[in-house]
């Protein structure tokens, strides 16, 4: 495998994490939906349905924030590397010789 740029790795990792967050949220939503289906009274059904809906909304917002943070980090890294490539290398200082007395 060819060596990838770190910004691409950051973006790819964020995509994987986002998918993991959403998969976990879907599982949790299914649990709440199942509890809503088993609930005996209307109030409990409504509460569990609300929890299922809130789970997906909050997970979507979290995944979006995660993706935005990763994009910002990847962009910052790419800018820093571009700037480092454009800067001249630091000048080397002359080595000081110690006088043997």
PDB file of N, CA and C in Angstrom:
ATOM      1  N   UNK A   1       0.846  -1.181   0.000  1.00  0.00           N
ATOM      2  CA  UNK A   1       0.000   0.000   0.000  1.00  0.00           C
ATOM      3  C   UNK A   1       0.887   1.238   0.000  1.00  0.00           C
ATOM      4  N   UNK A   2       0.578   2.160  -0.865  1.00  0.00           N
ATOM      5  CA  UNK A   2       1.351   3.395  -0.945  1.00  0.00           C
ATOM      6  C   UNK A   2       1.093   4.225   0.307  1.00  0.00           C
ATOM      7  N   UNK A   3       2.100   4.989   0.679  1.00  0.00           N
ATOM      8  CA  UNK A   3       1.976   5.817   1.871  1.00  0.00           C
ATOM      9  C   UNK A   3       0.971   6.931   1.607  1.00  0.00           C
ATOM     10  N   UNK A   4       0.007   7.087   2.494  1.00  0.00           N
ATOM     11  CA  UNK A   4      -1.042   8.090   2.328  1.00  0.00           C
ATOM     12  C   UNK A   4      -0.677   9.351   3.102  1.00  0.00           C
ATOM     13  N   UNK A   5      -1.204  10.473   2.635  1.00  0.00           N
ATOM     14  CA  UNK A   5      -1.029  11.718   3.373  1.00  0.00           C
ATOM     15  C   UNK A   5      -1.807  11.617   4.679  1.00  0.00           C
ATOM     16  N   UNK A   6      -1.286  12.258   5.692  1.00  0.00           N
ATOM     17  CA  UNK A   6      -1.920  12.181   6.999  1.00  0.00           C
ATOM     18  C   UNK A   6      -3.312  12.813   6.985  1.00  0.00           C
ATOM     19  N   UNK A   7      -3.505  13.862   6.194  1.00  0.00           N
ATOM     20  CA  UNK A   7      -4.840  14.477   6.158  1.00  0.00           C
ATOM     21  C   UNK A   7      -5.871  13.509   5.582  1.00  0.00           C
ATOM     22  N   UNK A   8      -5.477  12.700   4.611  1.00  0.00           N
ATOM     23  CA  UNK A   8      -6.390  11.696   4.062  1.00  0.00           C
ATOM     24  C   UNK A   8      -6.691  10.616   5.101  1.00  0.00           C
ATOM     25  N   UNK A   9      -5.690  10.265   5.880  1.00  0.00           N
ATOM     26  CA  UNK A   9      -5.884   9.271   6.940  1.00  0.00           C
ATOM     27  C   UNK A   9      -6.842   9.812   8.000  1.00  0.00           C
ATOM     28  N   UNK A  10      -6.700  11.082   8.347  1.00  0.00           N
ATOM     29  CA  UNK A  10      -7.589  11.713   9.329  1.00  0.00           C
ATOM     30  C   UNK A  10      -9.025  11.675   8.828  1.00  0.00           C
ATOM     31  N   UNK A  11      -9.221  12.027   7.581  1.00  0.00           N
ATOM     32  CA  UNK A  11     -10.574  12.033   7.005  1.00  0.00           C
ATOM     33  C   UNK A  11     -11.166  10.623   6.968  1.00  0.00           C
ATOM     34  N   UNK A  12     -10.362   9.653   6.565  1.00  0.00           N
ATOM     35  CA  UNK A  12     -10.839   8.272   6.490  1.00  0.00           C
ATOM     36  C   UNK A  12     -11.203   7.741   7.875  1.00  0.00           C
ATOM     37  N   UNK A  13     -10.376   8.036   8.858  1.00  0.00           N
ATOM     38  CA  UNK A  13     -10.646   7.589  10.226  1.00  0.00           C
ATOM     39  C   UNK A  13     -11.953   8.193  10.733  1.00  0.00           C
ATOM     40  N   UNK A  14     -12.189   9.448  10.425  1.00  0.00           N
ATOM     41  CA  UNK A  14     -13.425  10.105  10.853  1.00  0.00           C
ATOM     42  C   UNK A  14     -14.639   9.459  10.197  1.00  0.00           C
ATOM     43  N   UNK A  15     -14.503   9.092   8.923  1.00  0.00           N
ATOM     44  CA  UNK A  15     -15.623   8.424   8.250  1.00  0.00           C
ATOM     45  C   UNK A  15     -15.939   7.090   8.923  1.00  0.00           C
ATOM     46  N   UNK A  16     -14.910   6.351   9.269  1.00  0.00           N
ATOM     47  CA  UNK A  16     -15.104   5.059   9.936  1.00  0.00           C
ATOM     48  C   UNK A  16     -15.764   5.266  11.300  1.00  0.00           C
ATOM     49  N   UNK A  17     -15.290   6.259  12.048  1.00  0.00           N
ATOM     50  CA  UNK A  17     -15.865   6.525  13.364  1.00  0.00           C
ATOM     51  C   UNK A  17     -17.312   6.990  13.251  1.00  0.00           C
ATOM     52  N   UNK A  18     -17.599   7.801  12.244  1.00  0.00           N
ATOM     53  CA  UNK A  18     -18.959   8.275  12.037  1.00  0.00           C
ATOM     54  C   UNK A  18     -19.889   7.106  11.751  1.00  0.00           C
ATOM     55  N   UNK A  19     -19.435   6.185  10.914  1.00  0.00           N
ATOM     56  CA  UNK A  19     -20.247   5.002  10.617  1.00  0.00           C
ATOM     57  C   UNK A  19     -20.470   4.165  11.872  1.00  0.00           C
ATOM     58  N   UNK A  20     -19.450   4.052  12.708  1.00  0.00           N
ATOM     59  CA  UNK A  20     -19.583   3.280  13.949  1.00  0.00           C
ATOM     60  C   UNK A  20     -20.580   3.937  14.896  1.00  0.00           C
ATOM     61  N   UNK A  21     -20.523   5.262  15.001  1.00  0.00           N
ATOM     62  CA  UNK A  21     -21.461   5.987  15.863  1.00  0.00           C
ATOM     63  C   UNK A  21     -22.888   5.781  15.376  1.00  0.00           C
ATOM     64  N   UNK A  22     -23.093   5.904  14.073  1.00  0.00           N
ATOM     65  CA  UNK A  22     -24.441   5.752  13.532  1.00  0.00           C
ATOM     66  C   UNK A  22     -24.945   4.313  13.656  1.00  0.00           C
ATOM     67  N   UNK A  23     -24.071   3.340  13.491  1.00  0.00           N
ATOM     68  CA  UNK A  23     -24.483   1.941  13.655  1.00  0.00           C
ATOM     69  C   UNK A  23     -24.906   1.667  15.097  1.00  0.00           C
ATOM     70  N   UNK A  24     -24.142   2.191  16.047  1.00  0.00           N
ATOM     71  CA  UNK A  24     -24.494   2.018  17.458  1.00  0.00           C
ATOM     72  C   UNK A  24     -25.810   2.727  17.775  1.00  0.00           C
ATOM     73  N   UNK A  25     -26.019   3.886  17.179  1.00  0.00           N
ATOM     74  CA  UNK A  25     -27.259   4.631  17.411  1.00  0.00           C
ATOM     75  C   UNK A  25     -28.458   3.876  16.841  1.00  0.00           C
ATOM     76  N   UNK A  26     -28.279   3.261  15.683  1.00  0.00           N
ATOM     77  CA  UNK A  26     -29.382   2.489  15.095  1.00  0.00           C
ATOM     78  C   UNK A  26     -29.742   1.288  15.968  1.00  0.00           C
ATOM     79  N   UNK A  27     -28.720   0.648  16.540  1.00  0.00           N
ATOM     80  CA  UNK A  27     -28.994  -0.468  17.453  1.00  0.00           C
ATOM     81  C   UNK A  27     -29.761   0.025  18.676  1.00  0.00           C
ATOM     82  N   UNK A  28     -29.317   1.149  19.231  1.00  0.00           N
ATOM     83  CA  UNK A  28     -29.973   1.701  20.413  1.00  0.00           C
ATOM     84  C   UNK A  28     -31.401   2.136  20.079  1.00  0.00           C
ATOM     85  N   UNK A  29     -31.591   2.697  18.893  1.00  0.00           N
ATOM     86  CA  UNK A  29     -32.928   3.105  18.470  1.00  0.00           C
ATOM     87  C   UNK A  29     -33.838   1.886  18.362  1.00  0.00           C
ATOM     88  N   UNK A  30     -33.306   0.788  17.849  1.00  0.00           N
ATOM     89  CA  UNK A  30     -34.092  -0.438  17.736  1.00  0.00           C
ATOM     90  C   UNK A  30     -34.518  -0.948  19.113  1.00  0.00           C
ATOM     91  N   UNK A  31     -33.645  -0.807  20.096  1.00  0.00           N
ATOM     92  CA  UNK A  31     -33.986  -1.217  21.462  1.00  0.00           C
ATOM     93  C   UNK A  31     -35.147  -0.380  21.986  1.00  0.00           C
ATOM     94  N   UNK A  32     -35.071   0.934  21.802  1.00  0.00           N
ATOM     95  CA  UNK A  32     -36.150   1.809  22.275  1.00  0.00           C
ATOM     96  C   UNK A  32     -37.449   1.538  21.520  1.00  0.00           C
ATOM     97  N   UNK A  33     -37.349   1.285  20.217  1.00  0.00           N
ATOM     98  CA  UNK A  33     -38.549   0.993  19.430  1.00  0.00           C
ATOM     99  C   UNK A  33     -39.186  -0.321  19.891  1.00  0.00           C
ATOM    100  N   UNK A  34     -38.359  -1.302  20.210  1.00  0.00           N
ATOM    101  CA  UNK A  34     -38.889  -2.577  20.708  1.00  0.00           C
ATOM    102  C   UNK A  34     -39.582  -2.384  22.054  1.00  0.00           C
ATOM    103  N   UNK A  35     -38.992  -1.568  22.907  1.00  0.00           N
ATOM    104  CA  UNK A  35     -39.631  -1.295  24.199  1.00  0.00           C
ATOM    105  C   UNK A  35     -40.945  -0.549  24.005  1.00  0.00           C
ATOM    106  N   UNK A  36     -40.985   0.337  23.011  1.00  0.00           N
ATOM    107  CA  UNK A  36     -42.227   1.059  22.727  1.00  0.00           C
ATOM    108  C   UNK A  36     -43.304   0.086  22.258  1.00  0.00           C
ATOM    109  N   UNK A  37     -42.914  -0.892  21.457  1.00  0.00           N
ATOM    110  CA  UNK A  37     -43.881  -1.870  20.964  1.00  0.00           C
ATOM    111  C   UNK A  37     -44.426  -2.739  22.101  1.00  0.00           C
ATOM    112  N   UNK A  38     -43.594  -3.007  23.100  1.00  0.00           N
ATOM    113  CA  UNK A  38     -44.010  -3.860  24.218  1.00  0.00           C
ATOM    114  C   UNK A  38     -44.723  -3.091  25.329  1.00  0.00           C
ATOM    115  N   UNK A  39     -44.654  -1.775  25.272  1.00  0.00           N
ATOM    116  CA  UNK A  39     -45.229  -0.961  26.350  1.00  0.00           C
ATOM    117  C   UNK A  39     -46.742  -1.159  26.422  1.00  0.00           C
ATOM    118  N   UNK A  40     -47.257  -1.121  27.643  1.00  0.00           N
ATOM    119  CA  UNK A  40     -48.680  -1.380  27.870  1.00  0.00           C
ATOM    120  C   UNK A  40     -49.537  -0.121  27.723  1.00  0.00           C
ATOM    121  N   UNK A  41     -49.052   1.009  28.229  1.00  0.00           N
ATOM    122  CA  UNK A  41     -49.880   2.213  28.176  1.00  0.00           C
ATOM    123  C   UNK A  41     -49.348   3.226  27.159  1.00  0.00           C
ATOM    124  N   UNK A  42     -50.217   4.170  26.805  1.00  0.00           N
ATOM    125  CA  UNK A  42     -49.871   5.174  25.789  1.00  0.00           C
ATOM    126  C   UNK A  42     -48.695   6.044  26.215  1.00  0.00           C
ATOM    127  N   UNK A  43     -48.677   6.394  27.485  1.00  0.00           N
ATOM    128  CA  UNK A  43     -47.614   7.278  27.982  1.00  0.00           C
ATOM    129  C   UNK A  43     -46.236   6.627  27.829  1.00  0.00           C
ATOM    130  N   UNK A  44     -46.145   5.367  28.158  1.00  0.00           N
ATOM    131  CA  UNK A  44     -44.868   4.651  28.030  1.00  0.00           C
ATOM    132  C   UNK A  44     -44.476   4.512  26.561  1.00  0.00           C
ATOM    133  N   UNK A  45     -45.446   4.197  25.706  1.00  0.00           N
ATOM    134  CA  UNK A  45     -45.164   4.090  24.266  1.00  0.00           C
ATOM    135  C   UNK A  45     -44.629   5.409  23.724  1.00  0.00           C
ATOM    136  N   UNK A  46     -45.275   6.503  24.093  1.00  0.00           N
ATOM    137  CA  UNK A  46     -44.858   7.821  23.620  1.00  0.00           C
ATOM    138  C   UNK A  46     -43.456   8.159  24.123  1.00  0.00           C
ATOM    139  N   UNK A  47     -43.185   7.819  25.382  1.00  0.00           N
ATOM    140  CA  UNK A  47     -41.872   8.103  25.961  1.00  0.00           C
ATOM    141  C   UNK A  47     -40.778   7.314  25.237  1.00  0.00           C
ATOM    142  N   UNK A  48     -41.012   6.027  24.980  1.00  0.00           N
ATOM    143  CA  UNK A  48     -40.009   5.206  24.302  1.00  0.00           C
ATOM    144  C   UNK A  48     -39.823   5.629  22.844  1.00  0.00           C
ATOM    145  N   UNK A  49     -40.908   6.003  22.196  1.00  0.00           N
ATOM    146  CA  UNK A  49     -40.783   6.506  20.814  1.00  0.00           C
ATOM    147  C   UNK A  49     -39.971   7.793  20.785  1.00  0.00           C
ATOM    148  N   UNK A  50     -40.228   8.657  21.759  1.00  0.00           N
ATOM    149  CA  UNK A  50     -39.471   9.903  21.845  1.00  0.00           C
ATOM    150  C   UNK A  50     -37.989   9.620  22.070  1.00  0.00           C
ATOM    151  N   UNK A  51     -37.685   8.659  22.930  1.00  0.00           N
ATOM    152  CA  UNK A  51     -36.290   8.292  23.177  1.00  0.00           C
ATOM    153  C   UNK A  51     -35.640   7.736  21.912  1.00  0.00           C
ATOM    154  N   UNK A  52     -36.379   6.949  21.147  1.00  0.00           N
ATOM    155  CA  UNK A  52     -35.840   6.404  19.896  1.00  0.00           C
ATOM    156  C   UNK A  52     -35.540   7.531  18.912  1.00  0.00           C
ATOM    157  N   UNK A  53     -36.461   8.469  18.809  1.00  0.00           N
ATOM    158  CA  UNK A  53     -36.268   9.603  17.898  1.00  0.00           C
ATOM    159  C   UNK A  53     -35.104  10.479  18.369  1.00  0.00           C
ATOM    160  N   UNK A  54     -35.050  10.744  19.658  1.00  0.00           N
ATOM    161  CA  UNK A  54     -33.978  11.577  20.209  1.00  0.00           C
ATOM    162  C   UNK A  54     -32.616  10.924  20.036  1.00  0.00           C
ATOM    163  N   UNK A  55     -32.578   9.614  20.154  1.00  0.00           N
ATOM    164  CA  UNK A  55     -31.318   8.894  19.979  1.00  0.00           C
ATOM    165  C   UNK A  55     -30.736   9.164  18.599  1.00  0.00           C
ATOM    166  N   UNK A  56     -31.559   9.054  17.574  1.00  0.00           N
ATOM    167  CA  UNK A  56     -31.066   9.269  16.211  1.00  0.00           C
ATOM    168  C   UNK A  56     -30.706  10.733  15.969  1.00  0.00           C
ATOM    169  N   UNK A  57     -31.494  11.645  16.491  1.00  0.00           N
ATOM    170  CA  UNK A  57     -31.186  13.066  16.313  1.00  0.00           C
ATOM    171  C   UNK A  57     -29.857  13.428  16.972  1.00  0.00           C
ATOM    172  N   UNK A  58     -29.676  12.973  18.200  1.00  0.00           N
ATOM    173  CA  UNK A  58     -28.436  13.278  18.921  1.00  0.00           C
ATOM    174  C   UNK A  58     -27.235  12.589  18.290  1.00  0.00           C
ATOM    175  N   UNK A  59     -27.422  11.364  17.838  1.00  0.00           N
ATOM    176  CA  UNK A  59     -26.321  10.649  17.187  1.00  0.00           C
ATOM    177  C   UNK A  59     -25.945  11.319  15.869  1.00  0.00           C
ATOM    178  N   UNK A  60     -26.934  11.785  15.127  1.00  0.00           N
ATOM    179  CA  UNK A  60     -26.644  12.487  13.870  1.00  0.00           C
ATOM    180  C   UNK A  60     -25.860  13.766  14.131  1.00  0.00           C
ATOM    181  N   UNK A  61     -26.270  14.502  15.143  1.00  0.00           N
ATOM    182  CA  UNK A  61     -25.557  15.735  15.490  1.00  0.00           C
ATOM    183  C   UNK A  61     -24.132  15.429  15.944  1.00  0.00           C
ATOM    184  N   UNK A  62     -23.978  14.380  16.720  1.00  0.00           N
ATOM    185  CA  UNK A  62     -22.649  13.986  17.189  1.00  0.00           C
ATOM    186  C   UNK A  62     -21.760  13.576  16.028  1.00  0.00           C
ATOM    187  N   UNK A  63     -22.313  12.788  15.118  1.00  0.00           N
ATOM    188  CA  UNK A  63     -21.544  12.343  13.953  1.00  0.00           C
ATOM    189  C   UNK A  63     -21.138  13.529  13.089  1.00  0.00           C
ATOM    190  N   UNK A  64     -22.027  14.491  12.958  1.00  0.00           N
ATOM    191  CA  UNK A  64     -21.717  15.683  12.169  1.00  0.00           C
ATOM    192  C   UNK A  64     -20.594  16.490  12.819  1.00  0.00           C
ATOM    193  N   UNK A  65     -20.655  16.641  14.147  1.00  0.00           N
ATOM    194  CA  UNK A  65     -19.590  17.356  14.859  1.00  0.00           C
ATOM    195  C   UNK A  65     -18.262  16.622  14.744  1.00  0.00           C
ATOM    196  N   UNK A  66     -18.310  15.321  14.837  1.00  0.00           N
ATOM    197  CA  UNK A  66     -17.101  14.509  14.694  1.00  0.00           C
ATOM    198  C   UNK A  66     -16.492  14.692  13.312  1.00  0.00           C
ATOM    199  N   UNK A  67     -17.337  14.660  12.292  1.00  0.00           N
ATOM    200  CA  UNK A  67     -16.861  14.824  10.920  1.00  0.00           C
ATOM    201  C   UNK A  67     -16.289  16.225  10.707  1.00  0.00           C
ATOM    202  N   UNK A  68     -16.969  17.237  11.229  1.00  0.00           N
ATOM    203  CA  UNK A  68     -16.475  18.611  11.084  1.00  0.00           C
ATOM    204  C   UNK A  68     -15.136  18.801  11.785  1.00  0.00           C
ATOM    205  N   UNK A  69     -14.997  18.233  12.966  1.00  0.00           N
ATOM    206  CA  UNK A  69     -13.728  18.338  13.694  1.00  0.00           C
ATOM    207  C   UNK A  69     -12.599  17.677  12.920  1.00  0.00           C
ATOM    208  N   UNK A  70     -12.879  16.528  12.353  1.00  0.00           N
ATOM    209  CA  UNK A  70     -11.856  15.826  11.572  1.00  0.00           C
ATOM    210  C   UNK A  70     -11.498  16.607  10.315  1.00  0.00           C
ATOM    211  N   UNK A  71     -12.492  17.185   9.660  1.00  0.00           N
ATOM    212  CA  UNK A  71     -12.224  18.001   8.470  1.00  0.00           C
ATOM    213  C   UNK A  71     -11.343  19.191   8.834  1.00  0.00           C
ATOM    214  N   UNK A  72     -11.665  19.843   9.949  1.00  0.00           N
ATOM    215  CA  UNK A  72     -10.860  20.986  10.389  1.00  0.00           C
ATOM    216  C   UNK A  72      -9.432  20.568  10.703  1.00  0.00           C
ATOM    217  N   UNK A  73      -9.280  19.443  11.386  1.00  0.00           N
ATOM    218  CA  UNK A  73      -7.938  18.958  11.724  1.00  0.00           C
ATOM    219  C   UNK A  73      -7.155  18.594  10.465  1.00  0.00           C
ATOM    220  N   UNK A  74      -7.808  17.934   9.522  1.00  0.00           N
ATOM    221  CA  UNK A  74      -7.138  17.541   8.280  1.00  0.00           C
ATOM    222  C   UNK A  74      -6.746  18.771   7.461  1.00  0.00           C
ATOM    223  N   UNK A  75      -7.641  19.748   7.399  1.00  0.00           N
ATOM    224  CA  UNK A  75      -7.325  20.980   6.668  1.00  0.00           C
ATOM    225  C   UNK A  75      -6.168  21.729   7.327  1.00  0.00           C
ATOM    226  N   UNK A  76      -6.178  21.791   8.650  1.00  0.00           N
ATOM    227  CA  UNK A  76      -5.099  22.471   9.371  1.00  0.00           C
ATOM    228  C   UNK A  76      -3.765  21.774   9.124  1.00  0.00           C
ATOM    229  N   UNK A  77      -3.772  20.452   9.131  1.00  0.00           N
ATOM    230  CA  UNK A  77      -2.542  19.702   8.866  1.00  0.00           C
ATOM    231  C   UNK A  77      -2.059  19.972   7.445  1.00  0.00           C
ATOM    232  N   UNK A  78      -2.977  19.945   6.482  1.00  0.00           N
ATOM    233  CA  UNK A  78      -2.590  20.182   5.089  1.00  0.00           C
ATOM    234  C   UNK A  78      -2.008  21.588   4.918  1.00  0.00           C
ATOM    235  N   UNK A  79      -2.626  22.595   5.562  1.00  0.00           N
ATOM    236  CA  UNK A  79      -2.103  23.961   5.483  1.00  0.00           C
ATOM    237  C   UNK A  79      -0.723  24.054   6.114  1.00  0.00           C
ATOM    238  N   UNK A  80      -0.552  23.414   7.253  1.00  0.00           N
ATOM    239  CA  UNK A  80       0.741  23.462   7.946  1.00  0.00           C
ATOM    240  C   UNK A  80       1.835  22.811   7.111  1.00  0.00           C
ATOM    241  N   UNK A  81       1.529  21.704   6.476  1.00  0.00           N
ATOM    242  CA  UNK A  81       2.526  21.026   5.650  1.00  0.00           C
ATOM    243  C   UNK A  81       2.855  21.855   4.405  1.00  0.00           C
ATOM    244  N   UNK A  82       1.842  22.490   3.836  1.00  0.00           N
ATOM    245  CA  UNK A  82       2.082  23.341   2.666  1.00  0.00           C
ATOM    246  C   UNK A  82       2.977  24.518   3.055  1.00  0.00           C
ATOM    247  N   UNK A  83       2.703  25.105   4.216  1.00  0.00           N
ATOM    248  CA  UNK A  83       3.517  26.222   4.700  1.00  0.00           C
ATOM    249  C   UNK A  83       4.945  25.765   4.979  1.00  0.00           C
ATOM    250  N   UNK A  84       5.087  24.579   5.562  1.00  0.00           N
ATOM    251  CA  UNK A  84       6.421  24.051   5.866  1.00  0.00           C
ATOM    252  C   UNK A  84       7.213  23.799   4.587  1.00  0.00           C
ATOM    253  N   UNK A  85       6.549  23.380   3.532  1.00  0.00           N
ATOM    254  CA  UNK A  85       7.230  23.149   2.259  1.00  0.00           C
ATOM    255  C   UNK A  85       7.703  24.451   1.628  1.00  0.00           C
ATOM    256  N   UNK A  86       6.951  25.525   1.843  1.00  0.00           N
ATOM    257  CA  UNK A  86       7.289  26.811   1.236  1.00  0.00           C
ATOM    258  C   UNK A  86       8.376  27.554   2.004  1.00  0.00           C
ATOM    259  N   UNK A  87       8.531  27.269   3.295  1.00  0.00           N
ATOM    260  CA  UNK A  87       9.531  27.969   4.101  1.00  0.00           C
ATOM    261  C   UNK A  87      10.924  27.436   3.790  1.00  0.00           C
ATOM    262  N   UNK A  88      11.913  28.332   3.822  1.00  0.00           N
ATOM    263  CA  UNK A  88      13.290  27.846   3.638  1.00  0.00           C
ATOM    264  C   UNK A  88      13.727  27.084   4.888  1.00  0.00           C
ATOM    265  N   UNK A  89      14.624  26.134   4.728  1.00  0.00           N
ATOM    266  CA  UNK A  89      15.085  25.398   5.912  1.00  0.00           C
ATOM    267  C   UNK A  89      15.863  26.327   6.836  1.00  0.00           C
ATOM    268  N   UNK A  90      15.873  26.046   8.118  1.00  0.00           N
ATOM    269  CA  UNK A  90      16.592  26.916   9.057  1.00  0.00           C
ATOM    270  C   UNK A  90      18.093  26.862   8.790  1.00  0.00           C
ATOM    271  N   UNK A  91      18.744  28.014   8.946  1.00  0.00           N
ATOM    272  CA  UNK A  91      20.189  28.087   8.722  1.00  0.00           C
ATOM    273  C   UNK A  91      20.908  27.403   9.873  1.00  0.00           C
ATOM    274  N   UNK A  92      21.963  26.684   9.534  1.00  0.00           N
ATOM    275  CA  UNK A  92      22.730  25.992  10.565  1.00  0.00           C
ATOM    276  C   UNK A  92      23.711  26.970  11.197  1.00  0.00           C
ATOM    277  N   UNK A  93      23.842  26.882  12.491  1.00  0.00           N
ATOM    278  CA  UNK A  93      24.777  27.741  13.207  1.00  0.00           C
ATOM    279  C   UNK A  93      26.162  27.110  13.149  1.00  0.00           C
ATOM    280  N   UNK A  94      27.168  27.969  13.065  1.00  0.00           N
ATOM    281  CA  UNK A  94      28.546  27.475  13.046  1.00  0.00           C
ATOM    282  C   UNK A  94      28.887  26.891  14.409  1.00  0.00           C
ATOM    283  N   UNK A  95      29.554  25.784  14.394  1.00  0.00           N
ATOM    284  CA  UNK A  95      29.925  25.127  15.645  1.00  0.00           C
ATOM    285  C   UNK A  95      31.034  25.922  16.329  1.00  0.00           C
ATOM    286  N   UNK A  96      30.887  26.143  17.625  1.00  0.00           N
ATOM    287  CA  UNK A  96      31.899  26.882  18.386  1.00  0.00           C
ATOM    288  C   UNK A  96      32.983  25.909  18.822  1.00  0.00           C
ATOM    289  N   UNK A  97      34.211  26.337  18.643  1.00  0.00           N
ATOM    290  CA  UNK A  97      35.341  25.500  19.050  1.00  0.00           C
ATOM    291  C   UNK A  97      35.791  25.924  20.436  1.00  0.00           C
ATOM    292  N   UNK A  98      36.076  24.943  21.253  1.00  0.00           N
ATOM    293  CA  UNK A  98      36.575  25.234  22.596  1.00  0.00           C
ATOM    294  C   UNK A  98      38.093  25.316  22.534  1.00  0.00           C
ATOM    295  N   UNK A  99      38.605  26.319  23.184  1.00  0.00           N
ATOM    296  CA  UNK A  99      40.069  26.494  23.225  1.00  0.00           C
ATOM    297  C   UNK A  99      40.633  25.623  24.323  1.00  0.00           C
ATOM    298  N   UNK A 100      41.652  24.839  23.969  1.00  0.00           N
ATOM    299  CA  UNK A 100      42.319  23.994  24.968  1.00  0.00           C
ATOM    300  C   UNK A 100      43.359  24.861  25.673  1.00  0.00           C
ATOM    301  N   UNK A 101      43.232  25.041  26.938  1.00  0.00           N
ATOM    302  CA  UNK A 101      44.174  25.895  27.660  1.00  0.00           C
ATOM    303  C   UNK A 101      45.048  25.127  28.583  1.00  0.00           C
TER     304      UNK A 101
END
